[in-house]
C-alpha atoms as a PDB file:
ATOM      1  CA  MET A   1       3.168 154.443-106.512  1.00  0.00           C
ATOM      2  CA  ASP A   2       5.043 151.165-106.054  1.00  0.00           C
ATOM      3  CA  ASP A   3       4.192 148.553-103.428  1.00  0.00           C
ATOM      4  CA  PHE A   4       7.165 149.458-101.181  1.00  0.00           C
ATOM      5  CA  SER A   5       6.125 153.116-101.028  1.00  0.00           C
ATOM      6  CA  LEU A   6       2.589 152.156-100.099  1.00  0.00           C
ATOM      7  CA  LYS A   7       3.654 149.770 -97.360  1.00  0.00           C
ATOM      8  CA  ARG A   8       6.146 152.146 -95.748  1.00  0.00           C
ATOM      9  CA  ARG A   9       3.881 155.184 -95.684  1.00  0.00           C
ATOM     10  CA  HIS A  10       2.959 154.671 -92.008  1.00  0.00           C
ATOM     11  CA  LEU A  11       6.660 154.477 -91.119  1.00  0.00           C
ATOM     12  CA  ALA A  12       7.924 157.424 -93.155  1.00  0.00           C
ATOM     13  CA  GLN A  13       7.374 159.992 -90.404  1.00  0.00           C
ATOM     14  CA  LEU A  14       9.138 158.014 -87.673  1.00  0.00           C
ATOM     15  CA  THR A  15      12.581 158.988 -86.429  1.00  0.00           C
ATOM     16  CA  ASP A  16      15.438 156.512 -86.361  1.00  0.00           C
ATOM     17  CA  GLU A  17      14.904 156.037 -82.635  1.00  0.00           C
ATOM     18  CA  GLU A  18      11.169 155.437 -83.106  1.00  0.00           C
ATOM     19  CA  LEU A  19      11.896 152.942 -85.889  1.00  0.00           C
ATOM     20  CA  LYS A  20      14.370 151.130 -83.630  1.00  0.00           C
ATOM     21  CA  ASP A  21      11.813 150.995 -80.793  1.00  0.00           C
ATOM     22  CA  ARG A  22       9.138 149.733 -83.194  1.00  0.00           C
ATOM     23  CA  PHE A  23      11.464 147.041 -84.517  1.00  0.00           C
ATOM     24  CA  TRP A  24      12.290 145.728 -81.027  1.00  0.00           C
ATOM     25  CA  ASN A  25       8.663 145.879 -79.952  1.00  0.00           C
ATOM     26  CA  LEU A  26       7.649 143.775 -82.968  1.00  0.00           C
ATOM     27  CA  ALA A  27      10.590 141.402 -82.456  1.00  0.00           C
ATOM     28  CA  HIS A  28       9.532 140.810 -78.837  1.00  0.00           C
ATOM     29  CA  GLN A  29       5.944 140.151 -79.979  1.00  0.00           C
ATOM     30  CA  VAL A  30       7.172 137.566 -82.493  1.00  0.00           C
ATOM     31  CA  VAL A  31       9.315 135.603 -80.041  1.00  0.00           C
ATOM     32  CA  ALA A  32       7.040 135.916 -76.969  1.00  0.00           C
ATOM     33  CA  PRO A  33       5.040 132.752 -77.788  1.00  0.00           C
ATOM     34  CA  MET A  34       8.258 130.762 -78.276  1.00  0.00           C
ATOM     35  CA  VAL A  35       9.701 132.028 -74.992  1.00  0.00           C
ATOM     36  CA  GLU A  36       6.492 131.104 -73.158  1.00  0.00           C
ATOM     37  CA  LEU A  37       6.430 127.663 -74.770  1.00  0.00           C
ATOM     38  CA  ALA A  38      10.026 127.036 -73.713  1.00  0.00           C
ATOM     39  CA  ARG A  39       9.264 128.272 -70.190  1.00  0.00           C
ATOM     40  CA  SER A  40       6.177 126.123 -69.728  1.00  0.00           C
ATOM     41  CA  HIS A  41       7.129 122.917 -71.548  1.00  0.00           C
ATOM     42  CA  THR A  42       9.961 120.528 -71.034  1.00  0.00           C
ATOM     43  CA  SER A  43      10.664 116.867 -71.550  1.00  0.00           C
ATOM     44  CA  PRO A  44      12.803 114.205 -69.928  1.00  0.00           C
ATOM     45  CA  SER A  45      15.325 114.451 -72.785  1.00  0.00           C
ATOM     46  CA  ILE A  46      15.671 118.215 -72.350  1.00  0.00           C
ATOM     47  CA  GLU A  47      16.114 117.841 -68.602  1.00  0.00           C
ATOM     48  CA  ARG A  48      18.676 115.042 -69.044  1.00  0.00           C
ATOM     49  CA  SER A  49      20.578 117.343 -71.377  1.00  0.00           C
ATOM     50  CA  VAL A  50      20.615 120.074 -68.734  1.00  0.00           C
ATOM     51  CA  ILE A  51      21.825 117.648 -66.067  1.00  0.00           C
ATOM     52  CA  LEU A  52      24.540 116.327 -68.397  1.00  0.00           C
ATOM     53  CA  ARG A  53      25.802 119.873 -68.892  1.00  0.00           C
ATOM     54  CA  MET A  54      26.031 120.207 -65.128  1.00  0.00           C
ATOM     55  CA  GLY A  55      28.696 117.490 -65.182  1.00  0.00           C
ATOM     56  CA  PHE A  56      26.738 114.334 -64.419  1.00  0.00           C
ATOM     57  CA  SER A  57      27.123 111.103 -66.398  1.00  0.00           C
ATOM     58  CA  SER A  58      24.298 109.912 -68.612  1.00  0.00           C
ATOM     59  CA  LEU A  59      23.332 107.225 -66.075  1.00  0.00           C
ATOM     60  CA  GLU A  60      23.302 109.761 -63.229  1.00  0.00           C
ATOM     61  CA  ALA A  61      21.301 112.228 -65.324  1.00  0.00           C
ATOM     62  CA  LYS A  62      18.794 109.530 -66.248  1.00  0.00           C
ATOM     63  CA  GLU A  63      18.222 108.657 -62.591  1.00  0.00           C
ATOM     64  CA  ILE A  64      17.874 112.280 -61.452  1.00  0.00           C
ATOM     65  CA  VAL A  65      15.322 112.973 -64.194  1.00  0.00           C
ATOM     66  CA  GLU A  66      13.414 109.768 -63.391  1.00  0.00           C
ATOM     67  CA  GLN A  67      13.258 110.826 -59.737  1.00  0.00           C
ATOM     68  CA  CYS A  68      11.913 114.249 -60.832  1.00  0.00           C
ATOM     69  CA  THR A  69       9.308 112.587 -63.041  1.00  0.00           C
ATOM     70  CA  GLU A  70       8.164 110.166 -60.312  1.00  0.00           C
ATOM     71  CA  ARG A  71       7.609 113.101 -57.968  1.00  0.00           C
ATOM     72  CA  GLY A  72       5.776 115.217 -60.553  1.00  0.00           C
ATOM     73  CA  LEU A  73       8.498 117.860 -60.475  1.00  0.00           C
ATOM     74  CA  LEU A  74       9.904 117.669 -64.015  1.00  0.00           C
ATOM     75  CA  GLY A  75       8.190 120.943 -64.934  1.00  0.00           C
ATOM     76  CA  LYS A  76      10.240 122.700 -62.253  1.00  0.00           C
ATOM     77  CA  GLY A  77      13.435 121.879 -64.148  1.00  0.00           C
ATOM     78  CA  ALA A  78      15.749 119.138 -62.972  1.00  0.00           C
ATOM     79  CA  GLY A  79      18.829 121.358 -63.018  1.00  0.00           C
ATOM     80  CA  GLY A  80      17.100 124.036 -60.977  1.00  0.00           C
ATOM     81  CA  LEU A  81      15.997 121.475 -58.428  1.00  0.00           C
ATOM     82  CA  VAL A  82      19.516 120.100 -58.060  1.00  0.00           C
ATOM     83  CA  TYR A  83      20.825 123.648 -57.636  1.00  0.00           C
ATOM     84  CA  ARG A  84      18.201 124.474 -54.988  1.00  0.00           C
ATOM     85  CA  VAL A  85      18.968 121.318 -53.005  1.00  0.00           C
ATOM     86  CA  ALA A  86      22.704 122.034 -53.143  1.00  0.00           C
ATOM     87  CA  ARG A  87      22.170 125.576 -51.907  1.00  0.00           C
ATOM     88  CA  ALA A  88      19.726 124.559 -49.185  1.00  0.00           C
ATOM     89  CA  HIS A  89      22.116 121.953 -47.781  1.00  0.00           C
ATOM     90  CA  GLY A  90      25.367 123.835 -48.360  1.00  0.00           C
ATOM     91  CA  ILE A  91      26.791 121.062 -50.525  1.00  0.00           C
ATOM     92  CA  SER A  92      28.155 120.910 -54.055  1.00  0.00           C
ATOM     93  CA  ILE A  93      25.867 120.500 -57.034  1.00  0.00           C
ATOM     94  CA  ARG A  94      27.437 117.112 -57.687  1.00  0.00           C
ATOM     95  CA  GLU A  95      26.806 115.918 -54.120  1.00  0.00           C
ATOM     96  CA  ALA A  96      23.207 117.128 -54.291  1.00  0.00           C
ATOM     97  CA  GLY A  97      22.543 115.471 -57.638  1.00  0.00           C
ATOM     98  CA  LEU A  98      24.018 112.151 -56.558  1.00  0.00           C
ATOM     99  CA  ALA A  99      21.971 112.192 -53.357  1.00  0.00           C
ATOM    100  CA  MET A 100      18.831 113.008 -55.345  1.00  0.00           C
ATOM    101  CA  ALA A 101      19.593 110.139 -57.739  1.00  0.00           C
ATOM    102  CA  ARG A 102      19.624 107.859 -54.679  1.00  0.00           C
ATOM    103  CA  GLY A 103      16.236 109.236 -53.626  1.00  0.00           C
ATOM    104  CA  GLU A 104      17.593 111.470 -50.866  1.00  0.00           C
ATOM    105  CA  LEU A 105      17.080 115.176 -50.035  1.00  0.00           C
ATOM    106  CA  TRP A 106      13.867 115.488 -52.065  1.00  0.00           C
ATOM    107  CA  GLU A 107      11.971 116.911 -49.070  1.00  0.00           C
ATOM    108  CA  THR A 108      13.883 120.141 -49.714  1.00  0.00           C
ATOM    109  CA  VAL A 109      11.975 120.703 -52.965  1.00  0.00           C
ATOM    110  CA  THR A 110       8.725 118.895 -52.131  1.00  0.00           C
ATOM    111  CA  GLY A 111       7.719 121.006 -49.157  1.00  0.00           C
ATOM    112  CA  GLY A 112       8.899 118.562 -46.526  1.00  0.00           C
ATOM    113  CA  VAL A 113       7.176 115.547 -48.114  1.00  0.00           C
ATOM    114  CA  PRO A 114       9.894 113.050 -49.149  1.00  0.00           C
ATOM    115  CA  ASP A 115       7.755 111.676 -51.993  1.00  0.00           C
ATOM    116  CA  ALA A 116       5.492 114.292 -53.571  1.00  0.00           C
ATOM    117  CA  THR A 117       3.405 111.574 -55.233  1.00  0.00           C
ATOM    118  CA  THR A 118       1.870 110.800 -51.828  1.00  0.00           C
ATOM    119  CA  ARG A 119       0.304 114.248 -51.550  1.00  0.00           C
END
């Protein structure tokens, strides 16, 4: 018996649907650690990239990300924070981001404390 026949023996009795389900189950197991790593780890350069794609200039993005870092909020995602502030205040994403770059509106995402580093 060749190697292929030996290795596929446990799969031979599965239907096409069962094989498909098994494939996707294994695929999800393989990528789960990468998805978790991406969800739980970020960096200033990644967050600047996100902010740039939201339409801000590199200087604006740099300042927004620095403000996030100073407040210990970088792990929350700079783009998500800008979006939340915009929604909470009924303003555009651009207006929110520019205000945040100036150090304004941070109490919206810091639980009412303007500078989360003082907690």
